[in-house]
Amino acid sequence: MSVNGHNSTDEKIVVGISMGDPGGIGPEIVVKALADPQLRRQARFIIFGLAEQLTYAADLVELEPFWFRHQHEKLSRDYPRNVSVADYDEYPIPSWIHCPHKVSGEASLRFCMDAIDAARDTIIDAVVTGPISKASWNLAKAKWPGHTELFAERCRSPRKAMMFVAGPLKLALATIHMGLFEIRNKFTIGCVFEPIDLLNTALKEYFGIREPSIAVAGLNPHAGENGQFGDEEDRIIIPAMNLAREHEIHVHGPFPADTLFIRAAAGEFDGVVAMYHDQGLIPIKLLAFNTAVNVTIGLPIIRTSPAHGTAFDIAGKGLADASSMKEAIRLAIRMARIRKGLADEPAPVHFEKHDADQTAD
């Protein structure tokens, strides 16, 4: 991949968008999101994907293609059009495949890895990832269970956390992609402290909260009820919180998860740390299924993503809602501007509400 990067801070932000699984709704939501001329005016965009699939998606929803196609081998920050496609036409994927597929996994992996490298080389200022199929990645023999782990390894980042922004709720996860019964073998003070620390930094840097108040969920029912339903709160979570306090982080809890999210959504806390994937993702998707944004914090580069999956069941039907993709792009632009010193003090991000009409993967 040839590079032609720049470091000037007086030029427009360049956002790279990896298309995601070609058989999912990724092509459609990318096209629909960038069809908004107001959004296109906020930055320049390079789509890492398949021009043929994007053209098919545009035709499906009766939009004229608004991008310029380039070979992905000649990647540049200085493409002449505001929206360009770095085309990977060596992946012949029929438009009618809407299920996990080995070649789709290979292609979506390549899109993502090249976007990461472009961000590290400053060709782009942020990466927005379209939804991938973990089953497709598995068929392609990927060694990473998801985007977060891939980004962390490729960026050589020893610290990472998965953060979600859903309207008033900002949340990070202590454990990510692992089986529920595996958590007890990897549940440590460090894995609870790290997302508290990274969330605290993100809330300060990107959301303008000078002294964030962070609530921590318990792992067990009723947060253990003083050891009656498990002792992880006393052995692990509370020591992690005490360590956070030593770093002058304002943490509270651990609270029972069944009531914590009601309080957090009402604005009582600036952020929440959940202990495992579904504990945090259920309230996120209940509050803002079509507008929630996934952010990987702790990386040297910016990465955001829609908080839903490939939705194979509605792919190719023109039914996908692009709201979450649009919010992910807006947040990536905002974070990139702040990081490059192009924005004033951060202000809260506002999300519009939309009815859900797609299935998360």
Protein backbone atom coordinates (compact mmCIF):
# COMPACT_ATOMS: atom_id res chain seq x y z
CA MET A 1 0.00 0.00 0.00
CA SER A 2 1.62 3.24 -1.13
CA VAL A 3 1.15 6.26 1.13
CA ASN A 4 1.01 9.98 0.68
CA GLY A 5 0.13 11.33 4.11
CA HIS A 6 0.19 14.83 5.54
CA ASN A 7 0.28 16.27 9.05
CA SER A 8 -1.20 19.70 8.38
CA THR A 9 -3.94 20.71 10.83
CA ASP A 10 -5.47 23.37 8.57
CA GLU A 11 -6.99 20.89 6.09
CA LYS A 12 -10.31 19.10 6.26
CA ILE A 13 -10.55 15.97 8.41
CA VAL A 14 -10.26 12.72 6.42
CA VAL A 15 -12.34 9.80 7.69
CA GLY A 16 -11.75 6.23 6.55
CA ILE A 17 -14.78 3.94 6.48
CA SER A 18 -14.30 0.19 6.23
CA MET A 19 -17.36 -1.22 4.46
CA GLY A 20 -17.78 -4.24 6.71
CA ASP A 21 -19.07 -7.62 5.53
CA PRO A 22 -20.05 -7.29 1.85
CA GLY A 23 -23.04 -9.57 2.38
CA GLY A 24 -24.46 -7.55 5.26
CA ILE A 25 -26.04 -4.11 5.43
CA GLY A 26 -22.64 -2.37 5.52
CA PRO A 27 -22.65 -1.21 1.88
CA GLU A 28 -26.20 0.11 2.21
CA ILE A 29 -25.72 2.08 5.42
CA VAL A 30 -22.44 3.58 4.16
CA VAL A 31 -24.18 4.79 1.00
CA LYS A 32 -27.23 6.07 2.88
CA ALA A 33 -25.14 7.86 5.51
CA LEU A 34 -22.86 9.63 3.05
CA ALA A 35 -25.77 10.52 0.78
CA ASP A 36 -26.47 13.30 3.31
CA PRO A 37 -24.81 16.37 1.76
CA GLN A 38 -24.59 18.10 5.12
CA LEU A 39 -22.56 15.21 6.53
CA ARG A 40 -20.32 15.11 3.46
CA ARG A 41 -19.46 18.79 3.94
CA GLN A 42 -17.98 18.08 7.38
CA ALA A 43 -15.02 15.98 6.17
CA ARG A 44 -13.47 14.03 3.31
CA PHE A 45 -14.10 10.30 3.14
CA ILE A 46 -12.28 7.22 1.90
CA ILE A 47 -14.36 4.04 1.79
CA PHE A 48 -12.33 0.83 2.06
CA GLY A 49 -14.54 -1.65 0.23
CA LEU A 50 -16.04 -2.84 -3.02
CA ALA A 51 -17.24 -0.26 -5.53
CA GLU A 52 -19.54 -2.83 -7.15
CA GLN A 53 -21.34 -3.59 -3.89
CA LEU A 54 -21.68 0.12 -3.08
CA THR A 55 -23.08 0.82 -6.55
CA TYR A 56 -25.57 -2.02 -6.15
CA ALA A 57 -26.64 -0.63 -2.77
CA ALA A 58 -27.07 2.86 -4.25
CA ASP A 59 -29.19 1.49 -7.10
CA LEU A 60 -31.29 -0.47 -4.59
CA VAL A 61 -32.28 2.72 -2.75
CA GLU A 62 -32.42 4.86 -5.91
CA LEU A 63 -29.35 6.99 -5.26
CA GLU A 64 -26.83 8.13 -7.84
CA PRO A 65 -23.22 7.16 -6.98
CA PHE A 66 -21.44 10.22 -5.55
CA TRP A 67 -17.97 8.76 -5.15
CA PHE A 68 -14.86 8.33 -7.26
CA ARG A 69 -13.27 4.90 -7.56
CA HIS A 70 -9.54 4.37 -7.01
CA GLN A 71 -7.38 1.27 -6.76
CA HIS A 72 -6.70 0.48 -3.11
CA GLU A 73 -3.00 -0.07 -3.87
CA LYS A 74 -2.61 3.68 -4.54
CA LEU A 75 -4.06 5.06 -1.35
CA SER A 76 -3.77 8.83 -0.87
CA ARG A 77 -5.05 11.56 1.39
CA ASP A 78 -5.33 13.86 -1.63
CA TYR A 79 -8.02 12.24 -3.75
CA PRO A 80 -9.75 14.88 -5.90
CA ARG A 81 -13.30 13.97 -4.80
CA ASN A 82 -14.80 14.45 -1.35
CA VAL A 83 -15.85 10.78 -1.25
CA SER A 84 -13.54 8.14 -2.73
CA VAL A 85 -13.67 4.36 -2.77
CA ALA A 86 -10.44 2.41 -2.33
CA ASP A 87 -11.69 -0.53 -4.37
CA TYR A 88 -10.72 -4.14 -3.65
CA ASP A 89 -12.04 -5.65 -6.86
CA GLU A 90 -9.90 -8.77 -6.40
CA TYR A 91 -12.64 -10.09 -4.08
CA PRO A 92 -15.42 -11.40 -6.39
CA ILE A 93 -18.38 -11.53 -4.03
CA PRO A 94 -21.84 -11.87 -5.64
CA SER A 95 -24.36 -9.27 -4.45
CA TRP A 96 -26.90 -11.99 -3.63
CA ILE A 97 -24.81 -13.60 -0.83
CA HIS A 98 -26.30 -12.51 2.50
CA CYS A 99 -24.84 -14.99 4.96
CA PRO A 100 -21.46 -15.74 6.56
CA HIS A 101 -18.92 -16.51 3.85
CA LYS A 102 -15.17 -17.14 3.83
CA VAL A 103 -14.39 -14.64 1.05
CA SER A 104 -16.57 -12.01 2.73
CA GLY A 105 -14.58 -12.55 5.91
CA GLU A 106 -11.28 -12.22 4.05
CA ALA A 107 -12.45 -9.02 2.35
CA SER A 108 -13.83 -7.34 5.47
CA LEU A 109 -10.63 -8.21 7.34
CA ARG A 110 -8.55 -6.63 4.60
CA PHE A 111 -10.68 -3.46 4.52
CA CYS A 112 -10.27 -3.05 8.26
CA MET A 113 -6.55 -3.80 8.46
CA ASP A 114 -5.73 -1.39 5.65
CA ALA A 115 -7.87 1.32 7.27
CA ILE A 116 -5.98 0.83 10.54
CA ASP A 117 -2.65 1.12 8.75
CA ALA A 118 -3.84 4.25 6.92
CA ALA A 119 -4.76 5.84 10.26
CA ARG A 120 -1.39 4.94 11.74
CA ASP A 121 0.29 6.48 8.67
CA THR A 122 -1.86 9.67 9.05
CA ILE A 123 -3.43 9.21 5.62
CA ILE A 124 -6.77 9.32 7.46
CA ASP A 125 -7.63 10.92 10.79
CA ALA A 126 -10.16 8.38 12.05
CA VAL A 127 -11.61 4.97 11.22
CA VAL A 128 -15.32 4.16 11.16
CA THR A 129 -15.93 0.43 10.82
CA GLY A 130 -18.97 -1.07 9.14
CA PRO A 131 -20.52 -4.17 10.75
CA ILE A 132 -18.64 -7.43 10.29
CA SER A 133 -19.72 -11.03 10.70
CA LYS A 134 -17.70 -12.85 13.33
CA ALA A 135 -18.75 -16.09 11.64
CA SER A 136 -17.27 -14.84 8.34
CA TRP A 137 -14.05 -13.91 10.13
CA ASN A 138 -13.93 -17.37 11.66
CA LEU A 139 -14.37 -18.95 8.23
CA ALA A 140 -11.50 -16.74 7.02
CA LYS A 141 -9.31 -18.10 9.87
CA ALA A 142 -9.05 -14.72 11.61
CA LYS A 143 -7.36 -14.91 15.00
CA TRP A 144 -9.37 -12.02 16.44
CA PRO A 145 -12.94 -12.44 17.74
CA GLY A 146 -13.90 -8.89 16.76
CA HIS A 147 -12.85 -5.40 15.76
CA THR A 148 -11.69 -4.32 19.22
CA GLU A 149 -9.08 -7.06 19.56
CA LEU A 150 -7.86 -6.54 15.99
CA PHE A 151 -7.41 -2.80 16.49
CA ALA A 152 -5.56 -3.28 19.78
CA GLU A 153 -3.11 -5.81 18.34
CA ARG A 154 -2.48 -3.99 15.07
CA CYS A 155 -1.95 -0.70 16.94
CA ARG A 156 0.28 -2.47 19.49
CA SER A 157 -1.91 -1.02 22.20
CA PRO A 158 -1.57 -2.78 25.58
CA ARG A 159 -4.68 -1.03 26.91
CA LYS A 160 -8.12 -0.92 25.33
CA ALA A 161 -11.77 -0.80 26.25
CA MET A 162 -15.03 -0.99 24.36
CA MET A 163 -17.09 2.14 24.96
CA PHE A 164 -20.65 2.86 23.84
CA VAL A 165 -22.44 6.18 23.50
CA ALA A 166 -26.23 5.95 23.51
CA GLY A 167 -27.86 9.32 24.10
CA PRO A 168 -27.32 10.13 27.77
CA LEU A 169 -25.60 6.81 28.54
CA LYS A 170 -21.85 6.42 28.09
CA LEU A 171 -20.58 3.00 29.02
CA ALA A 172 -17.41 0.91 28.96
CA LEU A 173 -17.01 -2.85 29.35
CA ALA A 174 -14.66 -4.67 31.72
CA THR A 175 -14.73 -7.88 29.64
CA ILE A 176 -15.59 -8.06 25.96
CA HIS A 177 -15.86 -11.07 23.67
CA MET A 178 -15.72 -14.15 25.86
CA GLY A 179 -18.12 -16.81 27.03
CA LEU A 180 -20.02 -16.01 30.19
CA PHE A 181 -18.56 -18.98 32.05
CA GLU A 182 -15.04 -17.96 30.99
CA ILE A 183 -15.25 -14.59 32.72
CA ARG A 184 -14.44 -15.99 36.17
CA ASN A 185 -11.06 -17.21 34.89
CA LYS A 186 -10.07 -13.80 33.49
CA PHE A 187 -11.85 -11.46 35.90
CA THR A 188 -9.12 -9.44 37.63
CA ILE A 189 -8.64 -6.13 39.40
CA GLY A 190 -6.81 -4.86 36.33
CA CYS A 191 -9.58 -5.72 33.88
CA VAL A 192 -12.02 -3.68 36.01
CA PHE A 193 -9.67 -0.76 36.68
CA GLU A 194 -8.62 -0.32 33.05
CA PRO A 195 -12.05 0.60 31.61
CA ILE A 196 -12.67 2.92 34.58
CA ASP A 197 -9.43 4.73 33.85
CA LEU A 198 -9.90 4.84 30.06
CA LEU A 199 -13.54 5.93 30.33
CA ASN A 200 -12.56 8.71 32.71
CA THR A 201 -9.99 9.99 30.20
CA ALA A 202 -12.40 9.75 27.25
CA LEU A 203 -15.14 11.63 29.09
CA LYS A 204 -12.69 14.43 29.83
CA GLU A 205 -11.05 14.65 26.41
CA TYR A 206 -13.98 14.14 24.07
CA PHE A 207 -17.10 15.05 26.02
CA GLY A 208 -15.91 18.06 28.02
CA ILE A 209 -16.67 16.60 31.46
CA ARG A 210 -14.02 18.02 33.79
CA GLU A 211 -14.56 15.64 36.72
CA PRO A 212 -16.53 12.61 35.50
CA SER A 213 -18.67 10.67 37.93
CA ILE A 214 -18.45 6.98 37.03
CA ALA A 215 -20.72 4.25 38.35
CA VAL A 216 -19.54 0.64 38.44
CA ALA A 217 -21.92 -2.30 38.08
CA GLY A 218 -21.68 -5.39 40.19
CA LEU A 219 -21.04 -8.75 38.56
CA ASN A 220 -23.50 -10.79 40.61
CA PRO A 221 -27.23 -10.37 41.36
CA HIS A 222 -27.76 -7.55 43.87
CA ALA A 223 -24.03 -6.79 43.54
CA GLY A 224 -23.33 -9.92 45.58
CA GLU A 225 -25.54 -8.97 48.54
CA ASN A 226 -22.57 -8.85 50.93
CA GLY A 227 -21.14 -12.11 49.65
CA GLN A 228 -24.35 -14.14 49.58
CA PHE A 229 -24.34 -14.43 45.77
CA GLY A 230 -20.63 -14.36 45.01
CA ASP A 231 -17.58 -12.55 46.37
CA GLU A 232 -16.21 -10.94 43.18
CA GLU A 233 -17.45 -7.52 44.29
CA ASP A 234 -15.36 -7.69 47.49
CA ARG A 235 -12.32 -9.45 45.97
CA ILE A 236 -12.04 -7.67 42.63
CA ILE A 237 -14.43 -4.82 41.90
CA ILE A 238 -14.03 -2.82 45.11
CA PRO A 239 -10.19 -3.07 45.08
CA ALA A 240 -10.27 -1.85 41.45
CA MET A 241 -12.45 1.07 42.49
CA ASN A 242 -10.09 1.89 45.36
CA LEU A 243 -7.21 1.90 42.88
CA ALA A 244 -9.20 4.31 40.68
CA ARG A 245 -9.73 6.61 43.67
CA GLU A 246 -5.98 6.63 44.27
CA HIS A 247 -5.77 8.03 40.72
CA GLU A 248 -8.32 10.72 41.69
CA ILE A 249 -11.13 9.19 39.66
CA HIS A 250 -14.63 9.68 41.04
CA VAL A 251 -16.17 6.19 41.13
CA HIS A 252 -19.29 4.92 42.85
CA GLY A 253 -20.69 1.46 43.52
CA PRO A 254 -20.63 -1.37 42.88
CA PHE A 255 -24.35 -1.13 42.19
CA PRO A 256 -26.83 -3.85 41.21
CA ALA A 257 -27.10 -3.71 37.43
CA ASP A 258 -30.89 -4.04 37.43
CA THR A 259 -31.30 -0.53 38.86
CA LEU A 260 -28.02 1.16 37.92
CA PHE A 261 -28.88 1.79 34.27
CA ILE A 262 -32.13 3.52 35.15
CA ARG A 263 -30.16 5.97 37.29
CA ALA A 264 -27.45 6.42 34.68
CA ALA A 265 -29.92 7.04 31.84
CA ALA A 266 -31.55 9.70 34.02
CA GLY A 267 -28.22 11.53 34.20
CA GLU A 268 -27.14 10.67 37.75
CA PHE A 269 -23.72 9.52 36.49
CA ASP A 270 -21.53 10.62 33.58
CA GLY A 271 -20.45 7.10 32.71
CA VAL A 272 -20.91 3.46 33.66
CA VAL A 273 -18.56 0.48 33.65
CA ALA A 274 -20.35 -2.83 33.07
CA MET A 275 -18.72 -6.14 33.88
CA TYR A 276 -19.59 -8.19 30.79
CA HIS A 277 -20.84 -7.78 27.24
CA ASP A 278 -24.59 -8.31 27.50
CA GLN A 279 -24.87 -6.57 30.88
CA GLY A 280 -23.88 -3.36 29.11
CA LEU A 281 -25.22 -3.95 25.60
CA ILE A 282 -28.81 -4.72 26.58
CA PRO A 283 -29.47 -1.23 28.05
CA ILE A 284 -27.46 0.41 25.27
CA LYS A 285 -29.56 -1.18 22.53
CA LEU A 286 -32.78 -0.73 24.47
CA LEU A 287 -32.12 3.00 24.78
CA ALA A 288 -30.75 3.70 21.31
CA PHE A 289 -30.65 0.67 19.05
CA ASN A 290 -30.46 2.68 15.82
CA THR A 291 -28.28 5.54 17.05
CA ALA A 292 -25.79 4.03 19.51
CA VAL A 293 -22.08 4.29 18.67
CA ASN A 294 -19.25 1.96 19.61
CA VAL A 295 -15.89 3.61 20.36
CA THR A 296 -12.63 1.79 21.06
CA ILE A 297 -10.80 3.80 23.72
CA GLY A 298 -7.16 3.43 24.70
CA LEU A 299 -5.88 3.27 21.11
CA PRO A 300 -3.43 5.70 19.48
CA ILE A 301 -5.97 6.13 16.64
CA ILE A 302 -9.67 7.00 16.59
CA ARG A 303 -12.14 4.22 15.88
CA THR A 304 -15.94 4.40 16.00
CA SER A 305 -18.60 2.06 14.71
CA PRO A 306 -22.36 1.53 14.55
CA ALA A 307 -23.48 -0.50 17.53
CA HIS A 308 -25.36 -3.10 15.49
CA GLY A 309 -24.46 -6.09 13.38
CA THR A 310 -24.62 -7.20 9.76
CA ALA A 311 -28.40 -7.86 9.78
CA PHE A 312 -28.12 -10.49 7.04
CA ASP A 313 -31.89 -11.01 7.20
CA ILE A 314 -32.64 -7.59 5.73
CA ALA A 315 -29.47 -7.11 3.66
CA GLY A 316 -30.13 -6.39 -0.01
CA LYS A 317 -33.70 -5.24 0.66
CA GLY A 318 -33.14 -1.50 1.11
CA LEU A 319 -34.57 -1.58 4.65
CA ALA A 320 -31.47 -0.80 6.74
CA ASP A 321 -31.48 2.27 8.96
CA ALA A 322 -28.23 4.25 8.60
CA SER A 323 -28.74 6.36 11.74
CA SER A 324 -26.09 4.59 13.83
CA MET A 325 -23.56 4.83 10.98
CA LYS A 326 -24.24 8.55 10.62
CA GLU A 327 -23.76 9.07 14.36
CA ALA A 328 -20.54 7.03 14.27
CA ILE A 329 -19.23 9.21 11.45
CA ARG A 330 -20.20 12.44 13.23
CA LEU A 331 -18.53 11.33 16.44
CA ALA A 332 -15.36 10.27 14.58
CA ILE A 333 -15.16 13.70 12.93
CA ARG A 334 -15.66 15.43 16.25
CA MET A 335 -13.02 13.33 18.01
CA ALA A 336 -10.55 13.87 15.16
CA ARG A 337 -11.07 17.63 15.24
CA ILE A 338 -10.51 17.71 19.00
CA ARG A 339 -7.37 15.58 18.71
CA LYS A 340 -5.96 17.84 15.98
CA GLY A 341 -6.79 21.00 17.92
CA LEU A 342 -9.39 22.15 15.39
CA ALA A 343 -12.36 22.27 17.77
CA ASP A 344 -13.27 24.33 20.78
CA GLU A 345 -13.97 22.71 24.13
CA PRO A 346 -16.08 19.59 23.51
CA ALA A 347 -19.83 19.81 23.94
CA PRO A 348 -22.21 16.91 24.58
CA VAL A 349 -23.18 14.79 21.59
CA HIS A 350 -26.91 14.69 20.88
CA PHE A 351 -28.65 11.76 19.25
CA GLU A 352 -31.94 11.66 17.39
CA LYS A 353 -34.39 8.88 18.16
CA HIS A 354 -35.44 6.51 15.37
CA ASP A 355 -37.61 3.43 15.28
CA ALA A 356 -35.71 0.15 15.07
CA ASP A 357 -36.03 -1.64 11.74
CA GLN A 358 -32.95 -3.82 11.54
CA THR A 359 -31.67 -6.86 13.38
CA ALA A 360 -28.40 -6.70 15.28
CA ASP A 361 -25.90 -9.42 14.54
